[in-house]
Structure formats: C-alpha cells, structure tokens
Amino acid sequence: KASRQIASDYKYKEGYRKQLGHHIGARNIE
C-alpha cells in the first residue's frame, strides 16, 4: 500500500488540487 501511494499520480497531485481555487477573488495583485 505504501509503495502504491508513493507511485500514485493521484496522491502526488492531491495537495495541488486542495489549494486550487483558494487564491481566486483577490482584491488586487498585491
């Protein structure tokens, strides 16, 4: 199971998918 999770592309991009959309809607670029 540990080897499968290390080799899993889904687990590799899980952190990226969690932060998607969190920075949308900022008032300005700063």
Full PDB file with SEQRES, HELIX, SHEET, SSBOND, CRYST1, ORIGX, SCALE, CONECT and MASTER records, all heavy atoms in Angstrom:
SEQRES   1 A   30  LYS ALA SER ARG GLN ILE ALA SER ASP TYR LYS TYR LYS          
SEQRES   2 A   30  GLU GLY TYR ARG LYS GLN LEU GLY HIS HIS ILE GLY ALA          
SEQRES   3 A   30  ARG ASN ILE GLU                                              
HELIX    1 AA1 ALA A    2  ALA A    7  1                                   6    
HELIX    2 AA2 ASP A    9  TYR A   12  1                                   4    
HELIX    3 AA3 GLU A   14  GLN A   19  1                                   6    
CRYST1    1.000    1.000    1.000  90.00  90.00  90.00 P 1           1          
ORIGX1      1.000000  0.000000  0.000000        0.00000                         
ORIGX2      0.000000  1.000000  0.000000        0.00000                         
ORIGX3      0.000000  0.000000  1.000000        0.00000                         
SCALE1      1.000000  0.000000  0.000000        0.00000                         
SCALE2      0.000000  1.000000  0.000000        0.00000                         
SCALE3      0.000000  0.000000  1.000000        0.00000                         
ATOM      1  N   LYS A   1       0.831  -1.211   0.000  1.00  0.00           N  
ATOM      2  CA  LYS A   1       0.000   0.000   0.000  1.00  0.00           C  
ATOM      3  C   LYS A   1       0.863   1.258   0.000  1.00  0.00           C  
ATOM      4  O   LYS A   1       0.566   2.234  -0.705  1.00  0.00           O  
ATOM      5  CB  LYS A   1      -0.922  -0.012   1.210  1.00  0.00           C  
ATOM      6  CG  LYS A   1      -2.061  -1.017   1.127  1.00  0.00           C  
ATOM      7  CD  LYS A   1      -2.961  -0.910   2.344  1.00  0.00           C  
ATOM      8  CE  LYS A   1      -4.135  -1.893   2.254  1.00  0.00           C  
ATOM      9  NZ  LYS A   1      -5.028  -1.813   3.428  1.00  0.00           N  
ATOM     10  N   ALA A   2       1.931   1.256   0.801  1.00  0.00           N  
ATOM     11  CA  ALA A   2       2.806   2.435   0.847  1.00  0.00           C  
ATOM     12  C   ALA A   2       3.484   2.656  -0.507  1.00  0.00           C  
ATOM     13  O   ALA A   2       3.578   3.794  -0.989  1.00  0.00           O  
ATOM     14  CB  ALA A   2       3.858   2.244   1.946  1.00  0.00           C  
ATOM     15  N   SER A   3       3.932   1.595  -1.147  1.00  0.00           N  
ATOM     16  CA  SER A   3       4.551   1.736  -2.463  1.00  0.00           C  
ATOM     17  C   SER A   3       3.556   2.237  -3.499  1.00  0.00           C  
ATOM     18  O   SER A   3       3.885   3.054  -4.358  1.00  0.00           O  
ATOM     19  CB  SER A   3       5.128   0.381  -2.904  1.00  0.00           C  
ATOM     20  OG  SER A   3       6.100  -0.063  -1.980  1.00  0.00           O  
ATOM     21  N   ARG A   4       2.308   1.778  -3.400  1.00  0.00           N  
ATOM     22  CA  ARG A   4       1.292   2.228  -4.345  1.00  0.00           C  
ATOM     23  C   ARG A   4       0.991   3.707  -4.155  1.00  0.00           C  
ATOM     24  O   ARG A   4       0.809   4.454  -5.114  1.00  0.00           O  
ATOM     25  CB  ARG A   4       0.028   1.394  -4.157  1.00  0.00           C  
ATOM     26  CG  ARG A   4      -1.072   1.720  -5.158  1.00  0.00           C  
ATOM     27  CD  ARG A   4      -2.324   0.935  -4.839  1.00  0.00           C  
ATOM     28  NE  ARG A   4      -2.832   1.282  -3.520  1.00  0.00           N  
ATOM     29  CZ  ARG A   4      -3.866   0.671  -2.925  1.00  0.00           C  
ATOM     30  NH1 ARG A   4      -4.450  -0.337  -3.526  1.00  0.00           N  
ATOM     31  NH2 ARG A   4      -4.264   1.038  -1.737  1.00  0.00           N  
ATOM     32  N   GLN A   5       0.937   4.160  -2.901  1.00  0.00           N  
ATOM     33  CA  GLN A   5       0.671   5.575  -2.647  1.00  0.00           C  
ATOM     34  C   GLN A   5       1.822   6.449  -3.123  1.00  0.00           C  
ATOM     35  O   GLN A   5       1.620   7.560  -3.603  1.00  0.00           O  
ATOM     36  CB  GLN A   5       0.418   5.780  -1.156  1.00  0.00           C  
ATOM     37  CG  GLN A   5      -0.905   5.188  -0.666  1.00  0.00           C  
ATOM     38  CD  GLN A   5      -1.107   5.386   0.822  1.00  0.00           C  
ATOM     39  OE1 GLN A   5      -0.238   5.964   1.486  1.00  0.00           O  
ATOM     40  NE2 GLN A   5      -2.222   4.897   1.348  1.00  0.00           N  
ATOM     41  N   ILE A   6       3.048   5.946  -2.953  1.00  0.00           N  
ATOM     42  CA  ILE A   6       4.203   6.731  -3.414  1.00  0.00           C  
ATOM     43  C   ILE A   6       4.176   6.859  -4.937  1.00  0.00           C  
ATOM     44  O   ILE A   6       4.456   7.922  -5.499  1.00  0.00           O  
ATOM     45  CB  ILE A   6       5.507   6.056  -2.944  1.00  0.00           C  
ATOM     46  CG1 ILE A   6       5.626   6.172  -1.422  1.00  0.00           C  
ATOM     47  CG2 ILE A   6       6.721   6.682  -3.621  1.00  0.00           C  
ATOM     48  CD1 ILE A   6       6.775   5.386  -0.847  1.00  0.00           C  
ATOM     49  N   ALA A   7       3.818   5.774  -5.621  1.00  0.00           N  
ATOM     50  CA  ALA A   7       3.798   5.776  -7.082  1.00  0.00           C  
ATOM     51  C   ALA A   7       2.504   6.327  -7.665  1.00  0.00           C  
ATOM     52  O   ALA A   7       2.386   6.478  -8.882  1.00  0.00           O  
ATOM     53  CB  ALA A   7       4.014   4.353  -7.606  1.00  0.00           C  
ATOM     54  N   SER A   8       1.517   6.658  -6.822  1.00  0.00           N  
ATOM     55  CA  SER A   8       0.221   7.108  -7.320  1.00  0.00           C  
ATOM     56  C   SER A   8       0.296   8.556  -7.779  1.00  0.00           C  
ATOM     57  O   SER A   8       0.760   9.435  -7.055  1.00  0.00           O  
ATOM     58  CB  SER A   8      -0.837   6.948  -6.227  1.00  0.00           C  
ATOM     59  OG  SER A   8      -2.070   7.491  -6.639  1.00  0.00           O  
ATOM     60  N   ASP A   9      -0.152   8.823  -8.993  1.00  0.00           N  
ATOM     61  CA  ASP A   9      -0.198  10.196  -9.504  1.00  0.00           C  
ATOM     62  C   ASP A   9      -1.299  11.000  -8.825  1.00  0.00           C  
ATOM     63  O   ASP A   9      -1.187  12.219  -8.670  1.00  0.00           O  
ATOM     64  CB  ASP A   9      -0.436  10.146 -11.022  1.00  0.00           C  
ATOM     65  CG  ASP A   9      -0.318  11.508 -11.651  1.00  0.00           C  
ATOM     66  OD1 ASP A   9       0.796  12.047 -11.695  1.00  0.00           O  
ATOM     67  OD2 ASP A   9      -1.357  12.047 -12.097  1.00  0.00           O  
ATOM     68  N   TYR A  10      -2.347  10.316  -8.371  1.00  0.00           N  
ATOM     69  CA  TYR A  10      -3.448  11.000  -7.672  1.00  0.00           C  
ATOM     70  C   TYR A  10      -2.956  11.555  -6.343  1.00  0.00           C  
ATOM     71  O   TYR A  10      -3.247  12.708  -5.993  1.00  0.00           O  
ATOM     72  CB  TYR A  10      -4.601  10.011  -7.462  1.00  0.00           C  
ATOM     73  CG  TYR A  10      -5.770  10.587  -6.690  1.00  0.00           C  
ATOM     74  CD1 TYR A  10      -6.703  11.416  -7.321  1.00  0.00           C  
ATOM     75  CD2 TYR A  10      -5.934  10.306  -5.339  1.00  0.00           C  
ATOM     76  CE1 TYR A  10      -7.757  11.952  -6.612  1.00  0.00           C  
ATOM     77  CE2 TYR A  10      -6.982  10.842  -4.624  1.00  0.00           C  
ATOM     78  CZ  TYR A  10      -7.900  11.660  -5.253  1.00  0.00           C  
ATOM     79  OH  TYR A  10      -8.949  12.195  -4.557  1.00  0.00           O  
ATOM     80  N   LYS A  11      -2.210  10.756  -5.579  1.00  0.00           N  
ATOM     81  CA  LYS A  11      -1.673  11.232  -4.309  1.00  0.00           C  
ATOM     82  C   LYS A  11      -0.641  12.325  -4.529  1.00  0.00           C  
ATOM     83  O   LYS A  11      -0.503  13.236  -3.729  1.00  0.00           O  
ATOM     84  CB  LYS A  11      -1.028  10.054  -3.561  1.00  0.00           C  
ATOM     85  CG  LYS A  11      -2.032   9.039  -3.012  1.00  0.00           C  
ATOM     86  CD  LYS A  11      -2.806   9.611  -1.833  1.00  0.00           C  
ATOM     87  CE  LYS A  11      -3.734   8.576  -1.230  1.00  0.00           C  
ATOM     88  NZ  LYS A  11      -4.511   9.134  -0.098  1.00  0.00           N  
ATOM     89  N   TYR A  12       0.088  12.226  -5.650  1.00  0.00           N  
ATOM     90  CA  TYR A  12       1.120  13.226  -5.929  1.00  0.00           C  
ATOM     91  C   TYR A  12       0.516  14.612  -6.162  1.00  0.00           C  
ATOM     92  O   TYR A  12       1.075  15.625  -5.768  1.00  0.00           O  
ATOM     93  CB  TYR A  12       1.922  12.764  -7.154  1.00  0.00           C  
ATOM     94  CG  TYR A  12       2.987  13.729  -7.598  1.00  0.00           C  
ATOM     95  CD1 TYR A  12       4.160  13.903  -6.866  1.00  0.00           C  
ATOM     96  CD2 TYR A  12       2.825  14.492  -8.750  1.00  0.00           C  
ATOM     97  CE1 TYR A  12       5.138  14.784  -7.264  1.00  0.00           C  
ATOM     98  CE2 TYR A  12       3.801  15.380  -9.164  1.00  0.00           C  
ATOM     99  CZ  TYR A  12       4.954  15.518  -8.419  1.00  0.00           C  
ATOM    100  OH  TYR A  12       5.920  16.397  -8.811  1.00  0.00           O  
ATOM    101  N   LYS A  13      -0.673  14.662  -6.800  1.00  0.00           N  
ATOM    102  CA  LYS A  13      -1.320  15.940  -7.112  1.00  0.00           C  
ATOM    103  C   LYS A  13      -2.423  16.298  -6.129  1.00  0.00           C  
ATOM    104  O   LYS A  13      -3.184  17.231  -6.386  1.00  0.00           O  
ATOM    105  CB  LYS A  13      -1.903  15.873  -8.520  1.00  0.00           C  
ATOM    106  CG  LYS A  13      -0.847  15.689  -9.606  1.00  0.00           C  
ATOM    107  CD  LYS A  13      -1.466  15.663 -10.976  1.00  0.00           C  
ATOM    108  CE  LYS A  13      -0.416  15.499 -12.058  1.00  0.00           C  
ATOM    109  NZ  LYS A  13      -0.997  15.449 -13.409  1.00  0.00           N  
ATOM    110  N   GLU A  14      -2.519  15.557  -5.021  1.00  0.00           N  
ATOM    111  CA  GLU A  14      -3.607  15.819  -4.081  1.00  0.00           C  
ATOM    112  C   GLU A  14      -3.457  17.180  -3.416  1.00  0.00           C  
ATOM    113  O   GLU A  14      -4.422  17.940  -3.286  1.00  0.00           O  
ATOM    114  CB  GLU A  14      -3.627  14.707  -3.025  1.00  0.00           C  
ATOM    115  CG  GLU A  14      -4.806  14.819  -2.060  1.00  0.00           C  
ATOM    116  CD  GLU A  14      -4.822  13.675  -1.070  1.00  0.00           C  
ATOM    117  OE1 GLU A  14      -3.902  12.822  -1.105  1.00  0.00           O  
ATOM    118  OE2 GLU A  14      -5.751  13.626  -0.254  1.00  0.00           O  
ATOM    119  N   GLY A  15      -2.234  17.535  -3.013  1.00  0.00           N  
ATOM    120  CA  GLY A  15      -2.014  18.839  -2.386  1.00  0.00           C  
ATOM    121  C   GLY A  15      -2.276  19.988  -3.337  1.00  0.00           C  
ATOM    122  O   GLY A  15      -2.819  21.032  -2.946  1.00  0.00           O  
ATOM    123  N   TYR A  16      -1.937  19.793  -4.607  1.00  0.00           N  
ATOM    124  CA  TYR A  16      -2.193  20.848  -5.597  1.00  0.00           C  
ATOM    125  C   TYR A  16      -3.689  21.049  -5.807  1.00  0.00           C  
ATOM    126  O   TYR A  16      -4.174  22.176  -5.919  1.00  0.00           O  
ATOM    127  CB  TYR A  16      -1.503  20.469  -6.909  1.00  0.00           C  
ATOM    128  CG  TYR A  16      -1.896  21.333  -8.083  1.00  0.00           C  
ATOM    129  CD1 TYR A  16      -1.481  22.651  -8.181  1.00  0.00           C  
ATOM    130  CD2 TYR A  16      -2.715  20.818  -9.083  1.00  0.00           C  
ATOM    131  CE1 TYR A  16      -1.858  23.438  -9.257  1.00  0.00           C  
ATOM    132  CE2 TYR A  16      -3.091  21.586 -10.156  1.00  0.00           C  
ATOM    133  CZ  TYR A  16      -2.662  22.901 -10.238  1.00  0.00           C  
ATOM    134  OH  TYR A  16      -3.047  23.669 -11.293  1.00  0.00           O  
ATOM    135  N   ARG A  17      -4.443  19.945  -5.851  1.00  0.00           N  
ATOM    136  CA  ARG A  17      -5.891  20.065  -6.055  1.00  0.00           C  
ATOM    137  C   ARG A  17      -6.586  20.683  -4.852  1.00  0.00           C  
ATOM    138  O   ARG A  17      -7.614  21.345  -4.993  1.00  0.00           O  
ATOM    139  CB  ARG A  17      -6.477  18.679  -6.360  1.00  0.00           C  
ATOM    140  CG  ARG A  17      -6.256  18.218  -7.792  1.00  0.00           C  
ATOM    141  CD  ARG A  17      -7.102  17.000  -8.108  1.00  0.00           C  
ATOM    142  NE  ARG A  17      -6.666  15.856  -7.319  1.00  0.00           N  
ATOM    143  CZ  ARG A  17      -5.751  14.987  -7.733  1.00  0.00           C  
ATOM    144  NH1 ARG A  17      -5.193  15.147  -8.919  1.00  0.00           N  
ATOM    145  NH2 ARG A  17      -5.396  13.961  -6.983  1.00  0.00           N  
ATOM    146  N   LYS A  18      -6.033  20.502  -3.648  1.00  0.00           N  
ATOM    147  CA  LYS A  18      -6.653  21.076  -2.453  1.00  0.00           C  
ATOM    148  C   LYS A  18      -6.558  22.601  -2.439  1.00  0.00           C  
ATOM    149  O   LYS A  18      -7.454  23.287  -1.957  1.00  0.00           O  
ATOM    150  CB  LYS A  18      -5.999  20.498  -1.207  1.00  0.00           C  
ATOM    151  CG  LYS A  18      -6.417  19.072  -0.904  1.00  0.00           C  
ATOM    152  CD  LYS A  18      -5.763  18.591   0.384  1.00  0.00           C  
ATOM    153  CE  LYS A  18      -6.210  17.171   0.720  1.00  0.00           C  
ATOM    154  NZ  LYS A  18      -5.571  16.669   1.966  1.00  0.00           N  
ATOM    155  N   GLN A  19      -5.444  23.135  -2.971  1.00  0.00           N  
ATOM    156  CA  GLN A  19      -5.267  24.582  -2.929  1.00  0.00           C  
ATOM    157  C   GLN A  19      -5.821  25.288  -4.171  1.00  0.00           C  
ATOM    158  O   GLN A  19      -5.717  26.513  -4.275  1.00  0.00           O  
ATOM    159  CB  GLN A  19      -3.794  24.912  -2.777  1.00  0.00           C  
ATOM    160  CG  GLN A  19      -2.943  24.529  -3.968  1.00  0.00           C  
ATOM    161  CD  GLN A  19      -1.489  24.910  -3.772  1.00  0.00           C  
ATOM    162  OE1 GLN A  19      -1.134  25.496  -2.754  1.00  0.00           O  
ATOM    163  NE2 GLN A  19      -0.656  24.583  -4.756  1.00  0.00           N  
ATOM    164  N   LEU A  20      -6.366  24.498  -5.125  1.00  0.00           N  
ATOM    165  CA  LEU A  20      -6.985  25.131  -6.283  1.00  0.00           C  
ATOM    166  C   LEU A  20      -8.221  25.923  -5.858  1.00  0.00           C  
ATOM    167  O   LEU A  20      -9.078  25.430  -5.135  1.00  0.00           O  
ATOM    168  CB  LEU A  20      -7.384  24.068  -7.314  1.00  0.00           C  
ATOM    169  CG  LEU A  20      -6.246  23.400  -8.097  1.00  0.00           C  
ATOM    170  CD1 LEU A  20      -6.813  22.338  -9.029  1.00  0.00           C  
ATOM    171  CD2 LEU A  20      -5.492  24.435  -8.899  1.00  0.00           C  
ATOM    172  N   GLY A  21      -8.311  27.158  -6.332  1.00  0.00           N  
ATOM    173  CA  GLY A  21      -9.466  27.999  -6.031  1.00  0.00           C  
ATOM    174  C   GLY A  21      -9.350  28.800  -4.756  1.00  0.00           C  
ATOM    175  O   GLY A  21     -10.219  29.629  -4.475  1.00  0.00           O  
ATOM    176  N   HIS A  22      -8.319  28.587  -3.953  1.00  0.00           N  
ATOM    177  CA  HIS A  22      -8.195  29.331  -2.692  1.00  0.00           C  
ATOM    178  C   HIS A  22      -7.726  30.760  -2.913  1.00  0.00           C  
ATOM    179  O   HIS A  22      -7.960  31.615  -2.063  1.00  0.00           O  
ATOM    180  CB  HIS A  22      -7.223  28.611  -1.762  1.00  0.00           C  
ATOM    181  CG  HIS A  22      -7.778  27.309  -1.241  1.00  0.00           C  
ATOM    182  ND1 HIS A  22      -7.124  26.557  -0.292  1.00  0.00           N  
ATOM    183  CD2 HIS A  22      -8.914  26.632  -1.522  1.00  0.00           C  
ATOM    184  CE1 HIS A  22      -7.843  25.469  -0.031  1.00  0.00           C  
ATOM    185  NE2 HIS A  22      -8.930  25.498  -0.769  1.00  0.00           N  
ATOM    186  N   HIS A  23      -7.024  31.013  -4.041  1.00  0.00           N  
ATOM    187  CA  HIS A  23      -6.492  32.348  -4.277  1.00  0.00           C  
ATOM    188  C   HIS A  23      -7.312  33.108  -5.317  1.00  0.00           C  
ATOM    189  O   HIS A  23      -6.875  34.137  -5.805  1.00  0.00           O  
ATOM    190  CB  HIS A  23      -5.040  32.256  -4.758  1.00  0.00           C  
ATOM    191  CG  HIS A  23      -4.132  31.595  -3.754  1.00  0.00           C  
ATOM    192  ND1 HIS A  23      -3.726  32.220  -2.594  1.00  0.00           N  
ATOM    193  CD2 HIS A  23      -3.591  30.353  -3.737  1.00  0.00           C  
ATOM    194  CE1 HIS A  23      -2.954  31.407  -1.905  1.00  0.00           C  
ATOM    195  NE2 HIS A  23      -2.847  30.254  -2.573  1.00  0.00           N  
ATOM    196  N   ILE A  24      -8.440  32.577  -5.704  1.00  0.00           N  
ATOM    197  CA  ILE A  24      -9.295  33.264  -6.657  1.00  0.00           C  
ATOM    198  C   ILE A  24     -10.160  34.283  -5.916  1.00  0.00           C  
ATOM    199  O   ILE A  24     -10.703  34.009  -4.845  1.00  0.00           O  
ATOM    200  CB  ILE A  24     -10.182  32.250  -7.417  1.00  0.00           C  
ATOM    201  CG1 ILE A  24      -9.290  31.281  -8.203  1.00  0.00           C  
ATOM    202  CG2 ILE A  24     -11.148  32.954  -8.334  1.00  0.00           C  
ATOM    203  CD1 ILE A  24     -10.053  30.193  -8.888  1.00  0.00           C  
ATOM    204  N   GLY A  25     -10.288  35.473  -6.510  1.00  0.00           N  
ATOM    205  CA  GLY A  25     -11.122  36.501  -5.889  1.00  0.00           C  
ATOM    206  C   GLY A  25     -10.346  37.495  -5.060  1.00  0.00           C  
ATOM    207  O   GLY A  25     -10.934  38.178  -4.219  1.00  0.00           O  
ATOM    208  N   ALA A  26      -9.019  37.608  -5.256  1.00  0.00           N  
ATOM    209  CA  ALA A  26      -8.239  38.595  -4.530  1.00  0.00           C  
ATOM    210  C   ALA A  26      -8.618  39.996  -5.007  1.00  0.00           C  
ATOM    211  O   ALA A  26      -8.936  40.218  -6.175  1.00  0.00           O  
ATOM    212  CB  ALA A  26      -6.747  38.333  -4.740  1.00  0.00           C  
ATOM    213  N   ARG A  27      -8.574  40.952  -4.083  1.00  0.00           N  
ATOM    214  CA  ARG A  27      -8.971  42.323  -4.423  1.00  0.00           C  
ATOM    215  C   ARG A  27      -7.982  42.985  -5.384  1.00  0.00           C  
ATOM    216  O   ARG A  27      -8.381  43.759  -6.240  1.00  0.00           O  
ATOM    217  CB  ARG A  27      -9.102  43.144  -3.146  1.00  0.00           C  
ATOM    218  CG  ARG A  27     -10.287  42.726  -2.270  1.00  0.00           C  
ATOM    219  CD  ARG A  27     -10.319  43.488  -0.976  1.00  0.00           C  
ATOM    220  NE  ARG A  27      -9.140  43.214  -0.167  1.00  0.00           N  
ATOM    221  CZ  ARG A  27      -8.883  43.797   1.010  1.00  0.00           C  
ATOM    222  NH1 ARG A  27      -9.732  44.698   1.488  1.00  0.00           N  
ATOM    223  NH2 ARG A  27      -7.800  43.492   1.691  1.00  0.00           N  
ATOM    224  N   ASN A  28      -6.700  42.682  -5.239  1.00  0.00           N  
ATOM    225  CA  ASN A  28      -5.697  43.225  -6.148  1.00  0.00           C  
ATOM    226  C   ASN A  28      -4.526  42.236  -6.221  1.00  0.00           C  
ATOM    227  O   ASN A  28      -4.505  41.213  -5.532  1.00  0.00           O  
ATOM    228  CB  ASN A  28      -5.212  44.611  -5.698  1.00  0.00           C  
ATOM    229  CG  ASN A  28      -4.844  44.606  -4.210  1.00  0.00           C  
ATOM    230  OD1 ASN A  28      -4.515  43.562  -3.670  1.00  0.00           O  
ATOM    231  ND2 ASN A  28      -4.897  45.759  -3.581  1.00  0.00           N  
ATOM    232  N   ILE A  29      -3.577  42.588  -7.055  1.00  0.00           N  
ATOM    233  CA  ILE A  29      -2.444  41.684  -7.267  1.00  0.00           C  
ATOM    234  C   ILE A  29      -1.565  41.592  -6.035  1.00  0.00           C  
ATOM    235  O   ILE A  29      -0.983  40.535  -5.743  1.00  0.00           O  
ATOM    236  CB  ILE A  29      -1.631  42.157  -8.490  1.00  0.00           C  
ATOM    237  CG1 ILE A  29      -2.508  42.141  -9.741  1.00  0.00           C  
ATOM    238  CG2 ILE A  29      -0.397  41.304  -8.705  1.00  0.00           C  
ATOM    239  CD1 ILE A  29      -1.828  42.642 -10.973  1.00  0.00           C  
ATOM    240  N   GLU A  30      -1.483  42.695  -5.263  1.00  0.00           N  
ATOM    241  CA  GLU A  30      -0.614  42.687  -4.089  1.00  0.00           C  
ATOM    242  C   GLU A  30      -1.075  41.700  -3.031  1.00  0.00           C  
ATOM    243  O   GLU A  30      -0.272  41.260  -2.184  1.00  0.00           O  
ATOM    244  CB  GLU A  30      -0.532  44.094  -3.481  1.00  0.00           C  
ATOM    245  CG  GLU A  30       0.322  45.078  -4.260  1.00  0.00           C  
ATOM    246  CD  GLU A  30      -0.393  45.598  -5.499  1.00  0.00           C  
ATOM    247  OE1 GLU A  30      -1.598  45.265  -5.670  1.00  0.00           O  
ATOM    248  OE2 GLU A  30       0.238  46.319  -6.298  1.00  0.00           O  
TER     249      GLU A  30                                                      
MASTER        0    0    0    3    0    0    0    6  248    1    0    3          
END                                                                             
